[in-house]
Amino acid sequence: MRLLRMNEDGDVSLEDHPEKTEPYAILSHRWGEDHEEVNFKDVIEHTYRHKRGYAKILGCGEQAKRDNHQLFWIDTCCIDKSSSAELSESINSMWRWYCNSQVCYVYLDDVRAGIDEAEKDTAFTKSKWFTRGWTLQELLAPRRLEFYDAEWNQIGTKESLADKIWEITNINKDFLGSDISLLKQASIAERMSWASKRTAKREEDIAYSLLGIFDINMPLLYGEGAKAFQRLQEEIVKHSDDQSILAWTSSPAQNHSGKLFAHSPTAFAACRDVVRSIQQGQVKPYSITNKGLKISLPLIRGDNKGEFLATPI
């Protein structure tokens, strides 16, 4: 794992460390324009001080030092994105890296310092950080997560702000604690609903940002567009018998008739209360074949004569 170390003069350097051998802090933030962010090449060549994103790195490094962490990780510059193999490995590892961090700093650059509590509360609620695809896993994975405003003043922690975060994200407080194993108790449809109103710069990242939340690994194929979300659902089905993945809906304006899988997380927007039923006995497995869906479901008689409805279990 490649980590940053900051010197007294504000210079940063990259170091390789085996995972779980060195404690580190980690940053969650919104990306600015690509030309503003400090990237891997900038750190290697020491050409980053003029970039706007350097202030974010400096603030993270100083906060890490105040917390007695000598090492920290930032996605903009700790990954060599010119290497497709490294990028794929990093994205497939990112959930684990956030889980294993000592602390995650959430930097909200759109929450100004020096405003009163009411204004700060409103700014926090409306922060664009809560609308981004990648920040969903960055909210859920770390065991300790701290929020900071634009001047690195602490706003609160994931625990202290749990009620507010619940209101903003519709994620139940049970899943906002330090025990991330509880996430598996949320149905697939419910977890998909958490991402239903989030966006990403690239269409593929809508799917790739959900890998850790569903404990899935798969190769990255930038350029595949919406097919990435299709592949994600296919991988989920291979590893889970949770039938709620089929609970998605589409509006009449969208032509998704006959489709087995959803086109995007937006199709799960109404699934925040979908839970898996508790029944005795093992759920029969289902599978996707070249003929379509193979599944066994109990039938109940419908309202119309000769009509039967299949009910997921």
C-alpha atoms as a PDB file:
ATOM      1  CA  MET A   1       0.000   0.000   0.000  1.00  0.00           C
ATOM      2  CA  ARG A   2       1.385   3.401  -0.974  1.00  0.00           C
ATOM      3  CA  LEU A   3       1.141   6.082   1.739  1.00  0.00           C
ATOM      4  CA  LEU A   4       2.097   9.734   2.124  1.00  0.00           C
ATOM      5  CA  ARG A   5       4.443  11.212   4.687  1.00  0.00           C
ATOM      6  CA  MET A   6       4.659  14.975   5.232  1.00  0.00           C
ATOM      7  CA  ASN A   7       7.822  16.774   6.259  1.00  0.00           C
ATOM      8  CA  GLU A   8       8.009  19.870   8.467  1.00  0.00           C
ATOM      9  CA  ASP A   9       8.284  22.152   5.425  1.00  0.00           C
ATOM     10  CA  GLY A  10       5.061  20.774   3.894  1.00  0.00           C
ATOM     11  CA  ASP A  11       6.760  18.567   1.310  1.00  0.00           C
ATOM     12  CA  VAL A  12       5.213  15.128   0.891  1.00  0.00           C
ATOM     13  CA  SER A  13       6.739  11.852  -0.195  1.00  0.00           C
ATOM     14  CA  LEU A  14       5.320   8.450  -1.065  1.00  0.00           C
ATOM     15  CA  GLU A  15       6.263   5.252   0.749  1.00  0.00           C
ATOM     16  CA  ASP A  16       5.271   1.635   0.128  1.00  0.00           C
ATOM     17  CA  HIS A  17       4.067  -0.288   3.169  1.00  0.00           C
ATOM     18  CA  PRO A  18       2.585  -3.772   3.518  1.00  0.00           C
ATOM     19  CA  GLU A  19      -1.069  -3.538   4.466  1.00  0.00           C
ATOM     20  CA  LYS A  20      -1.953  -3.503   8.180  1.00  0.00           C
ATOM     21  CA  THR A  21       1.655  -2.996   9.277  1.00  0.00           C
ATOM     22  CA  GLU A  22       1.560   0.788   9.723  1.00  0.00           C
ATOM     23  CA  PRO A  23      -1.299   2.870  11.165  1.00  0.00           C
ATOM     24  CA  TYR A  24      -2.530   5.588   8.822  1.00  0.00           C
ATOM     25  CA  ALA A  25      -5.196   8.231   8.384  1.00  0.00           C
ATOM     26  CA  ILE A  26      -7.230   8.457   5.199  1.00  0.00           C
ATOM     27  CA  LEU A  27      -9.007  11.310   3.432  1.00  0.00           C
ATOM     28  CA  SER A  28     -12.511  11.464   1.969  1.00  0.00           C
ATOM     29  CA  HIS A  29     -13.257  14.493  -0.188  1.00  0.00           C
ATOM     30  CA  ARG A  30     -14.816  15.748  -3.385  1.00  0.00           C
ATOM     31  CA  TRP A  31     -12.540  15.954  -6.401  1.00  0.00           C
ATOM     32  CA  GLY A  32     -12.099  19.289  -8.095  1.00  0.00           C
ATOM     33  CA  GLU A  33     -11.115  19.663 -11.719  1.00  0.00           C
ATOM     34  CA  ASP A  34      -8.446  17.146 -12.724  1.00  0.00           C
ATOM     35  CA  HIS A  35      -5.898  19.883 -13.423  1.00  0.00           C
ATOM     36  CA  GLU A  36      -6.389  21.226  -9.871  1.00  0.00           C
ATOM     37  CA  GLU A  37      -5.714  17.950  -8.061  1.00  0.00           C
ATOM     38  CA  VAL A  38      -2.244  16.768  -7.063  1.00  0.00           C
ATOM     39  CA  ASN A  39      -1.633  13.454  -8.798  1.00  0.00           C
ATOM     40  CA  PHE A  40       0.916  10.667  -8.465  1.00  0.00           C
ATOM     41  CA  LYS A  41       3.297  12.198 -11.020  1.00  0.00           C
ATOM     42  CA  ASP A  42       3.191  15.575  -9.251  1.00  0.00           C
ATOM     43  CA  VAL A  43       4.367  14.011  -5.980  1.00  0.00           C
ATOM     44  CA  ILE A  44       7.129  12.027  -7.691  1.00  0.00           C
ATOM     45  CA  GLU A  45       8.388  15.113  -9.533  1.00  0.00           C
ATOM     46  CA  HIS A  46       7.658  17.580  -6.673  1.00  0.00           C
ATOM     47  CA  THR A  47       5.496  19.777  -8.910  1.00  0.00           C
ATOM     48  CA  TYR A  48       2.449  20.143  -6.698  1.00  0.00           C
ATOM     49  CA  ARG A  49       2.746  23.283  -4.567  1.00  0.00           C
ATOM     50  CA  HIS A  50       1.129  25.528  -7.197  1.00  0.00           C
ATOM     51  CA  LYS A  51      -1.942  23.317  -7.506  1.00  0.00           C
ATOM     52  CA  ARG A  52      -5.161  24.115  -5.680  1.00  0.00           C
ATOM     53  CA  GLY A  53      -5.409  20.558  -4.378  1.00  0.00           C
ATOM     54  CA  TYR A  54      -2.146  20.927  -2.450  1.00  0.00           C
ATOM     55  CA  ALA A  55      -3.939  22.851   0.320  1.00  0.00           C
ATOM     56  CA  LYS A  56      -6.143  19.822   0.886  1.00  0.00           C
ATOM     57  CA  ILE A  57      -3.121  17.531   1.182  1.00  0.00           C
ATOM     58  CA  LEU A  58      -1.405  19.967   3.549  1.00  0.00           C
ATOM     59  CA  GLY A  59      -4.501  20.186   5.748  1.00  0.00           C
ATOM     60  CA  CYS A  60      -4.891  16.413   5.882  1.00  0.00           C
ATOM     61  CA  GLY A  61      -1.228  15.887   6.714  1.00  0.00           C
ATOM     62  CA  GLU A  62      -1.292  18.477   9.497  1.00  0.00           C
ATOM     63  CA  GLN A  63      -4.441  16.985  11.002  1.00  0.00           C
ATOM     64  CA  ALA A  64      -2.893  13.518  10.834  1.00  0.00           C
ATOM     65  CA  LYS A  65       0.174  14.794  12.712  1.00  0.00           C
ATOM     66  CA  ARG A  66      -2.038  16.349  15.391  1.00  0.00           C
ATOM     67  CA  ASP A  67      -3.549  12.899  15.823  1.00  0.00           C
ATOM     68  CA  ASN A  68      -0.078  11.316  15.975  1.00  0.00           C
ATOM     69  CA  HIS A  69      -0.364   9.626  12.578  1.00  0.00           C
ATOM     70  CA  GLN A  70       2.783   9.954  10.484  1.00  0.00           C
ATOM     71  CA  LEU A  71       1.262   8.373   7.388  1.00  0.00           C
ATOM     72  CA  PHE A  72      -1.888   9.162   5.443  1.00  0.00           C
ATOM     73  CA  TRP A  73      -3.593   8.143   2.198  1.00  0.00           C
ATOM     74  CA  ILE A  74      -5.305  10.297  -0.434  1.00  0.00           C
ATOM     75  CA  ASP A  75      -6.783   8.824  -3.595  1.00  0.00           C
ATOM     76  CA  THR A  76      -5.747  11.680  -5.887  1.00  0.00           C
ATOM     77  CA  CYS A  77      -2.016  11.073  -5.557  1.00  0.00           C
ATOM     78  CA  CYS A  78      -1.403   7.662  -3.955  1.00  0.00           C
ATOM     79  CA  ILE A  79      -2.556   5.764  -7.042  1.00  0.00           C
ATOM     80  CA  ASP A  80      -0.669   5.768 -10.336  1.00  0.00           C
ATOM     81  CA  LYS A  81      -3.694   6.109 -12.591  1.00  0.00           C
ATOM     82  CA  SER A  82      -1.540   5.866 -15.723  1.00  0.00           C
ATOM     83  CA  SER A  83      -1.355   2.141 -14.942  1.00  0.00           C
ATOM     84  CA  SER A  84      -4.703   0.455 -15.651  1.00  0.00           C
ATOM     85  CA  ALA A  85      -3.620  -2.603 -13.649  1.00  0.00           C
ATOM     86  CA  GLU A  86      -2.792  -0.505 -10.574  1.00  0.00           C
ATOM     87  CA  LEU A  87      -6.005   1.495 -10.902  1.00  0.00           C
ATOM     88  CA  SER A  88      -8.085  -1.691 -11.057  1.00  0.00           C
ATOM     89  CA  GLU A  89      -6.279  -3.218  -8.076  1.00  0.00           C
ATOM     90  CA  SER A  90      -6.666  -0.011  -6.063  1.00  0.00           C
ATOM     91  CA  ILE A  91     -10.391   0.358  -6.693  1.00  0.00           C
ATOM     92  CA  ASN A  92     -10.951  -3.279  -5.779  1.00  0.00           C
ATOM     93  CA  SER A  93      -8.941  -2.708  -2.567  1.00  0.00           C
ATOM     94  CA  MET A  94     -10.337   0.689  -1.609  1.00  0.00           C
ATOM     95  CA  TRP A  95     -13.108  -0.527   0.702  1.00  0.00           C
ATOM     96  CA  ARG A  96     -10.522  -2.509   2.679  1.00  0.00           C
ATOM     97  CA  TRP A  97      -8.190   0.481   2.864  1.00  0.00           C
ATOM     98  CA  TYR A  98     -10.918   2.667   4.346  1.00  0.00           C
ATOM     99  CA  CYS A  99     -11.895  -0.119   6.755  1.00  0.00           C
ATOM    100  CA  ASN A 100      -8.314  -0.543   7.966  1.00  0.00           C
ATOM    101  CA  SER A 101      -7.585   3.150   8.508  1.00  0.00           C
ATOM    102  CA  GLN A 102      -7.203   4.486  12.033  1.00  0.00           C
ATOM    103  CA  VAL A 103      -9.365   7.472  11.161  1.00  0.00           C
ATOM    104  CA  CYS A 104     -11.018   8.907   8.071  1.00  0.00           C
ATOM    105  CA  TYR A 105     -11.147  12.687   7.674  1.00  0.00           C
ATOM    106  CA  VAL A 106     -14.080  13.974   5.646  1.00  0.00           C
ATOM    107  CA  TYR A 107     -13.114  17.344   4.197  1.00  0.00           C
ATOM    108  CA  LEU A 108     -16.188  19.420   3.303  1.00  0.00           C
ATOM    109  CA  ASP A 109     -14.850  22.313   1.250  1.00  0.00           C
ATOM    110  CA  ASP A 110     -18.368  23.717   0.775  1.00  0.00           C
ATOM    111  CA  VAL A 111     -18.966  24.154   4.522  1.00  0.00           C
ATOM    112  CA  ARG A 112     -17.420  27.528   5.296  1.00  0.00           C
ATOM    113  CA  ALA A 113     -15.686  28.336   8.567  1.00  0.00           C
ATOM    114  CA  GLY A 114     -16.712  31.266  10.740  1.00  0.00           C
ATOM    115  CA  ILE A 115     -20.471  30.867  10.333  1.00  0.00           C
ATOM    116  CA  ASP A 116     -22.974  30.315  13.130  1.00  0.00           C
ATOM    117  CA  GLU A 117     -24.230  26.873  14.131  1.00  0.00           C
ATOM    118  CA  ALA A 118     -27.517  27.163  12.243  1.00  0.00           C
ATOM    119  CA  GLU A 119     -25.741  28.132   9.025  1.00  0.00           C
ATOM    120  CA  LYS A 120     -23.181  25.380   9.480  1.00  0.00           C
ATOM    121  CA  ASP A 121     -25.928  22.833  10.088  1.00  0.00           C
ATOM    122  CA  THR A 122     -27.625  23.860   6.838  1.00  0.00           C
ATOM    123  CA  ALA A 123     -24.353  23.847   4.897  1.00  0.00           C
ATOM    124  CA  PHE A 124     -23.529  20.393   6.264  1.00  0.00           C
ATOM    125  CA  THR A 125     -26.924  19.046   5.210  1.00  0.00           C
ATOM    126  CA  LYS A 126     -26.552  20.484   1.705  1.00  0.00           C
ATOM    127  CA  SER A 127     -22.896  19.527   1.205  1.00  0.00           C
ATOM    128  CA  LYS A 128     -22.270  17.990  -2.192  1.00  0.00           C
ATOM    129  CA  TRP A 129     -20.133  15.364  -0.470  1.00  0.00           C
ATOM    130  CA  PHE A 130     -23.370  13.506   0.261  1.00  0.00           C
ATOM    131  CA  THR A 131     -24.255  13.393  -3.450  1.00  0.00           C
ATOM    132  CA  ARG A 132     -21.140  11.678  -4.788  1.00  0.00           C
ATOM    133  CA  GLY A 133     -20.941   7.976  -5.599  1.00  0.00           C
ATOM    134  CA  TRP A 134     -17.507   7.249  -4.135  1.00  0.00           C
ATOM    135  CA  THR A 135     -18.229   8.930  -0.809  1.00  0.00           C
ATOM    136  CA  LEU A 136     -20.915   6.360   0.039  1.00  0.00           C
ATOM    137  CA  GLN A 137     -18.336   3.662   0.752  1.00  0.00           C
ATOM    138  CA  GLU A 138     -16.149   6.272   2.424  1.00  0.00           C
ATOM    139  CA  LEU A 139     -19.011   7.006   4.811  1.00  0.00           C
ATOM    140  CA  LEU A 140     -19.729   3.357   5.624  1.00  0.00           C
ATOM    141  CA  ALA A 141     -16.329   1.628   5.685  1.00  0.00           C
ATOM    142  CA  PRO A 142     -14.223   3.544   8.275  1.00  0.00           C
ATOM    143  CA  ARG A 143     -14.669   2.598  11.899  1.00  0.00           C
ATOM    144  CA  ARG A 144     -13.871   6.180  12.930  1.00  0.00           C
ATOM    145  CA  LEU A 145     -14.895   9.063  10.715  1.00  0.00           C
ATOM    146  CA  GLU A 146     -14.547  12.792  11.459  1.00  0.00           C
ATOM    147  CA  PHE A 147     -16.076  15.697   9.510  1.00  0.00           C
ATOM    148  CA  TYR A 148     -14.169  18.972   8.947  1.00  0.00           C
ATOM    149  CA  ASP A 149     -15.164  22.286   7.396  1.00  0.00           C
ATOM    150  CA  ALA A 150     -13.218  24.241   4.765  1.00  0.00           C
ATOM    151  CA  GLU A 151     -10.692  25.492   7.351  1.00  0.00           C
ATOM    152  CA  TRP A 152     -10.201  22.095   9.027  1.00  0.00           C
ATOM    153  CA  ASN A 153     -12.368  22.825  12.055  1.00  0.00           C
ATOM    154  CA  GLN A 154     -14.010  19.642  13.261  1.00  0.00           C
ATOM    155  CA  ILE A 155     -17.795  19.548  12.818  1.00  0.00           C
ATOM    156  CA  GLY A 156     -18.364  16.185  14.487  1.00  0.00           C
ATOM    157  CA  THR A 157     -17.981  12.432  14.042  1.00  0.00           C
ATOM    158  CA  LYS A 158     -20.059   9.804  12.303  1.00  0.00           C
ATOM    159  CA  GLU A 159     -21.445   8.754  15.682  1.00  0.00           C
ATOM    160  CA  SER A 160     -22.226  12.240  16.981  1.00  0.00           C
ATOM    161  CA  LEU A 161     -23.883  13.242  13.696  1.00  0.00           C
ATOM    162  CA  ALA A 162     -25.661   9.927  13.087  1.00  0.00           C
ATOM    163  CA  ASP A 163     -29.167  11.408  13.350  1.00  0.00           C
ATOM    164  CA  LYS A 164     -28.346  14.133  10.841  1.00  0.00           C
ATOM    165  CA  ILE A 165     -26.630  11.700   8.463  1.00  0.00           C
ATOM    166  CA  TRP A 166     -29.686   9.421   8.644  1.00  0.00           C
ATOM    167  CA  GLU A 167     -31.898  12.336   7.593  1.00  0.00           C
ATOM    168  CA  ILE A 168     -29.600  13.235   4.697  1.00  0.00           C
ATOM    169  CA  THR A 169     -28.848   9.760   3.352  1.00  0.00           C
ATOM    170  CA  ASN A 170     -31.768   7.554   4.498  1.00  0.00           C
ATOM    171  CA  ILE A 171     -29.175   5.128   5.858  1.00  0.00           C
ATOM    172  CA  ASN A 172     -30.369   3.648   9.131  1.00  0.00           C
ATOM    173  CA  LYS A 173     -28.206   4.540  12.135  1.00  0.00           C
ATOM    174  CA  ASP A 174     -27.568   0.832  12.729  1.00  0.00           C
ATOM    175  CA  PHE A 175     -25.254   0.936   9.711  1.00  0.00           C
ATOM    176  CA  LEU A 176     -23.432   4.127  10.702  1.00  0.00           C
ATOM    177  CA  GLY A 177     -21.549   2.703  13.671  1.00  0.00           C
ATOM    178  CA  SER A 178     -18.111   1.147  13.950  1.00  0.00           C
ATOM    179  CA  ASP A 179     -19.308  -2.458  13.426  1.00  0.00           C
ATOM    180  CA  ILE A 180     -19.319  -2.664   9.640  1.00  0.00           C
ATOM    181  CA  SER A 181     -20.262  -6.358   9.732  1.00  0.00           C
ATOM    182  CA  LEU A 182     -23.827  -5.169  10.361  1.00  0.00           C
ATOM    183  CA  LEU A 183     -24.008  -3.946   6.760  1.00  0.00           C
ATOM    184  CA  LYS A 184     -24.675  -7.497   5.619  1.00  0.00           C
ATOM    185  CA  GLN A 185     -27.992  -7.352   7.465  1.00  0.00           C
ATOM    186  CA  ALA A 186     -29.227  -4.740   4.990  1.00  0.00           C
ATOM    187  CA  SER A 187     -30.839  -6.266   1.911  1.00  0.00           C
ATOM    188  CA  ILE A 188     -29.226  -5.770  -1.478  1.00  0.00           C
ATOM    189  CA  ALA A 189     -32.132  -3.565  -2.544  1.00  0.00           C
ATOM    190  CA  GLU A 190     -31.771  -1.386   0.552  1.00  0.00           C
ATOM    191  CA  ARG A 191     -28.045  -0.935  -0.031  1.00  0.00           C
ATOM    192  CA  MET A 192     -28.711  -0.080  -3.673  1.00  0.00           C
ATOM    193  CA  SER A 193     -31.210   2.566  -2.563  1.00  0.00           C
ATOM    194  CA  TRP A 194     -28.449   4.370  -0.670  1.00  0.00           C
ATOM    195  CA  ALA A 195     -26.726   4.991  -4.019  1.00  0.00           C
ATOM    196  CA  SER A 196     -29.889   5.872  -5.945  1.00  0.00           C
ATOM    197  CA  LYS A 197     -29.394   9.649  -5.811  1.00  0.00           C
ATOM    198  CA  ARG A 198     -25.617   9.739  -6.079  1.00  0.00           C
ATOM    199  CA  THR A 199     -23.597  10.651  -9.152  1.00  0.00           C
ATOM    200  CA  ALA A 200     -20.078  10.136 -10.501  1.00  0.00           C
ATOM    201  CA  LYS A 201     -17.974  11.810 -13.175  1.00  0.00           C
ATOM    202  CA  ARG A 202     -17.803   8.579 -15.171  1.00  0.00           C
ATOM    203  CA  GLU A 203     -20.778   6.295 -15.701  1.00  0.00           C
ATOM    204  CA  GLU A 204     -18.760   3.187 -14.871  1.00  0.00           C
ATOM    205  CA  ASP A 205     -17.892   4.554 -11.423  1.00  0.00           C
ATOM    206  CA  ILE A 206     -21.547   4.292 -10.384  1.00  0.00           C
ATOM    207  CA  ALA A 207     -20.945   0.538 -10.331  1.00  0.00           C
ATOM    208  CA  TYR A 208     -17.270   0.456  -9.335  1.00  0.00           C
ATOM    209  CA  SER A 209     -17.893   2.605  -6.247  1.00  0.00           C
ATOM    210  CA  LEU A 210     -20.269  -0.084  -4.907  1.00  0.00           C
ATOM    211  CA  LEU A 211     -17.858  -3.039  -5.072  1.00  0.00           C
ATOM    212  CA  GLY A 212     -16.899  -2.970  -1.402  1.00  0.00           C
ATOM    213  CA  ILE A 213     -20.452  -2.382  -0.168  1.00  0.00           C
ATOM    214  CA  PHE A 214     -21.455  -5.708  -1.756  1.00  0.00           C
ATOM    215  CA  ASP A 215     -18.134  -7.467  -1.057  1.00  0.00           C
ATOM    216  CA  ILE A 216     -17.549  -7.949  -4.780  1.00  0.00           C
ATOM    217  CA  ASN A 217     -14.353  -7.900  -6.829  1.00  0.00           C
ATOM    218  CA  MET A 218     -14.352  -7.595 -10.597  1.00  0.00           C
ATOM    219  CA  PRO A 219     -12.081  -6.206 -13.323  1.00  0.00           C
ATOM    220  CA  LEU A 220     -12.525  -2.603 -14.419  1.00  0.00           C
ATOM    221  CA  LEU A 221     -13.374  -1.836 -18.029  1.00  0.00           C
ATOM    222  CA  TYR A 222     -13.570   1.902 -18.508  1.00  0.00           C
ATOM    223  CA  GLY A 223     -15.481   2.524 -21.692  1.00  0.00           C
ATOM    224  CA  GLU A 224     -18.188  -0.073 -21.018  1.00  0.00           C
ATOM    225  CA  GLY A 225     -20.617   2.562 -19.725  1.00  0.00           C
ATOM    226  CA  ALA A 226     -23.862   1.205 -18.231  1.00  0.00           C
ATOM    227  CA  LYS A 227     -22.667  -2.375 -18.738  1.00  0.00           C
ATOM    228  CA  ALA A 228     -20.580  -1.949 -15.587  1.00  0.00           C
ATOM    229  CA  PHE A 229     -23.710  -1.869 -13.422  1.00  0.00           C
ATOM    230  CA  GLN A 230     -25.054  -4.902 -15.280  1.00  0.00           C
ATOM    231  CA  ARG A 231     -21.832  -6.805 -14.521  1.00  0.00           C
ATOM    232  CA  LEU A 232     -21.985  -5.764 -10.872  1.00  0.00           C
ATOM    233  CA  GLN A 233     -25.464  -7.250 -10.494  1.00  0.00           C
ATOM    234  CA  GLU A 234     -24.388 -10.454 -12.232  1.00  0.00           C
ATOM    235  CA  GLU A 235     -21.502 -10.799  -9.769  1.00  0.00           C
ATOM    236  CA  ILE A 236     -23.792 -10.134  -6.797  1.00  0.00           C
ATOM    237  CA  VAL A 237     -26.142 -12.923  -7.915  1.00  0.00           C
ATOM    238  CA  LYS A 238     -23.186 -15.328  -8.075  1.00  0.00           C
ATOM    239  CA  HIS A 239     -22.390 -14.686  -4.420  1.00  0.00           C
ATOM    240  CA  SER A 240     -25.776 -14.051  -2.792  1.00  0.00           C
ATOM    241  CA  ASP A 241     -29.233 -15.651  -2.648  1.00  0.00           C
ATOM    242  CA  ASP A 242     -30.847 -12.334  -1.664  1.00  0.00           C
ATOM    243  CA  GLN A 243     -33.739 -12.010  -4.104  1.00  0.00           C
ATOM    244  CA  SER A 244     -34.267  -8.334  -3.316  1.00  0.00           C
ATOM    245  CA  ILE A 245     -31.881  -7.540  -6.168  1.00  0.00           C
ATOM    246  CA  LEU A 246     -34.955  -8.108  -8.350  1.00  0.00           C
ATOM    247  CA  ALA A 247     -37.081  -5.559  -6.445  1.00  0.00           C
ATOM    248  CA  TRP A 248     -36.193  -2.598  -8.654  1.00  0.00           C
ATOM    249  CA  THR A 249     -38.784  -0.577 -10.539  1.00  0.00           C
ATOM    250  CA  SER A 250     -38.740   1.799 -13.501  1.00  0.00           C
ATOM    251  CA  SER A 251     -40.963   4.673 -14.533  1.00  0.00           C
ATOM    252  CA  PRO A 252     -43.353   4.371 -17.518  1.00  0.00           C
ATOM    253  CA  ALA A 253     -41.073   6.755 -19.422  1.00  0.00           C
ATOM    254  CA  GLN A 254     -38.202   4.273 -19.191  1.00  0.00           C
ATOM    255  CA  ASN A 255     -38.226   1.315 -21.526  1.00  0.00           C
ATOM    256  CA  HIS A 256     -36.874  -1.507 -19.364  1.00  0.00           C
ATOM    257  CA  SER A 257     -39.592  -4.089 -19.970  1.00  0.00           C
ATOM    258  CA  GLY A 258     -38.256  -7.618 -20.145  1.00  0.00           C
ATOM    259  CA  LYS A 259     -34.976  -6.639 -18.499  1.00  0.00           C
ATOM    260  CA  LEU A 260     -33.847  -8.805 -15.602  1.00  0.00           C
ATOM    261  CA  PHE A 261     -31.468  -6.315 -13.974  1.00  0.00           C
ATOM    262  CA  ALA A 262     -31.796  -2.625 -13.221  1.00  0.00           C
ATOM    263  CA  HIS A 263     -30.171  -0.044 -15.471  1.00  0.00           C
ATOM    264  CA  SER A 264     -28.740   1.928 -12.515  1.00  0.00           C
ATOM    265  CA  PRO A 265     -29.162   2.368  -8.739  1.00  0.00           C
ATOM    266  CA  THR A 266     -31.907   4.930  -9.418  1.00  0.00           C
ATOM    267  CA  ALA A 267     -34.244   1.994 -10.071  1.00  0.00           C
ATOM    268  CA  PHE A 268     -33.901   1.073  -6.378  1.00  0.00           C
ATOM    269  CA  ALA A 269     -34.870   4.519  -5.078  1.00  0.00           C
ATOM    270  CA  ALA A 270     -38.078   3.172  -3.477  1.00  0.00           C
ATOM    271  CA  CYS A 271     -36.351   0.187  -1.828  1.00  0.00           C
ATOM    272  CA  ARG A 272     -35.040   1.768   1.381  1.00  0.00           C
ATOM    273  CA  ASP A 273     -37.483  -0.353   3.458  1.00  0.00           C
ATOM    274  CA  VAL A 274     -37.048  -3.628   1.558  1.00  0.00           C
ATOM    275  CA  VAL A 275     -35.879  -6.349   3.939  1.00  0.00           C
ATOM    276  CA  ARG A 276     -35.251 -10.038   3.519  1.00  0.00           C
ATOM    277  CA  SER A 277     -38.045 -12.215   4.879  1.00  0.00           C
ATOM    278  CA  ILE A 278     -37.300 -14.501   7.787  1.00  0.00           C
ATOM    279  CA  GLN A 279     -38.418 -18.028   6.972  1.00  0.00           C
ATOM    280  CA  GLN A 280     -37.542 -21.429   8.247  1.00  0.00           C
ATOM    281  CA  GLY A 281     -35.527 -23.577   5.911  1.00  0.00           C
ATOM    282  CA  GLN A 282     -32.923 -22.673   3.360  1.00  0.00           C
ATOM    283  CA  VAL A 283     -33.781 -20.410   0.448  1.00  0.00           C
ATOM    284  CA  LYS A 284     -33.521 -22.291  -2.818  1.00  0.00           C
ATOM    285  CA  PRO A 285     -30.677 -20.972  -4.971  1.00  0.00           C
ATOM    286  CA  TYR A 286     -31.397 -19.124  -8.182  1.00  0.00           C
ATOM    287  CA  SER A 287     -29.163 -18.511 -11.155  1.00  0.00           C
ATOM    288  CA  ILE A 288     -28.800 -16.619 -14.405  1.00  0.00           C
ATOM    289  CA  THR A 289     -28.490 -18.871 -17.444  1.00  0.00           C
ATOM    290  CA  ASN A 290     -28.293 -18.203 -21.180  1.00  0.00           C
ATOM    291  CA  LYS A 291     -32.058 -18.744 -21.190  1.00  0.00           C
ATOM    292  CA  GLY A 292     -32.700 -16.160 -18.490  1.00  0.00           C
ATOM    293  CA  LEU A 293     -33.535 -16.359 -14.783  1.00  0.00           C
ATOM    294  CA  LYS A 294     -33.942 -19.768 -13.125  1.00  0.00           C
ATOM    295  CA  ILE A 295     -35.676 -19.349  -9.784  1.00  0.00           C
ATOM    296  CA  SER A 296     -38.184 -21.133  -7.524  1.00  0.00           C
ATOM    297  CA  LEU A 297     -40.792 -18.917  -5.853  1.00  0.00           C
ATOM    298  CA  PRO A 298     -44.053 -19.603  -3.989  1.00  0.00           C
ATOM    299  CA  LEU A 299     -47.218 -18.567  -5.833  1.00  0.00           C
ATOM    300  CA  ILE A 300     -50.237 -16.781  -4.433  1.00  0.00           C
ATOM    301  CA  ARG A 301     -53.553 -16.384  -6.219  1.00  0.00           C
ATOM    302  CA  GLY A 302     -54.078 -12.916  -7.659  1.00  0.00           C
ATOM    303  CA  ASP A 303     -57.225 -10.799  -7.805  1.00  0.00           C
ATOM    304  CA  ASN A 304     -58.013 -11.756 -11.404  1.00  0.00           C
ATOM    305  CA  LYS A 305     -59.232 -15.195 -12.423  1.00  0.00           C
ATOM    306  CA  GLY A 306     -56.378 -17.426 -13.432  1.00  0.00           C
ATOM    307  CA  GLU A 307     -53.775 -14.934 -12.150  1.00  0.00           C
ATOM    308  CA  PHE A 308     -50.951 -16.040  -9.850  1.00  0.00           C
ATOM    309  CA  LEU A 309     -48.233 -13.880  -8.364  1.00  0.00           C
ATOM    310  CA  ALA A 310     -44.699 -15.020  -7.525  1.00  0.00           C
ATOM    311  CA  THR A 311     -43.492 -13.759  -4.151  1.00  0.00           C
ATOM    312  CA  PRO A 312     -39.777 -13.464  -3.340  1.00  0.00           C
ATOM    313  CA  ILE A 313     -38.577 -14.954  -0.055  1.00  0.00           C
END
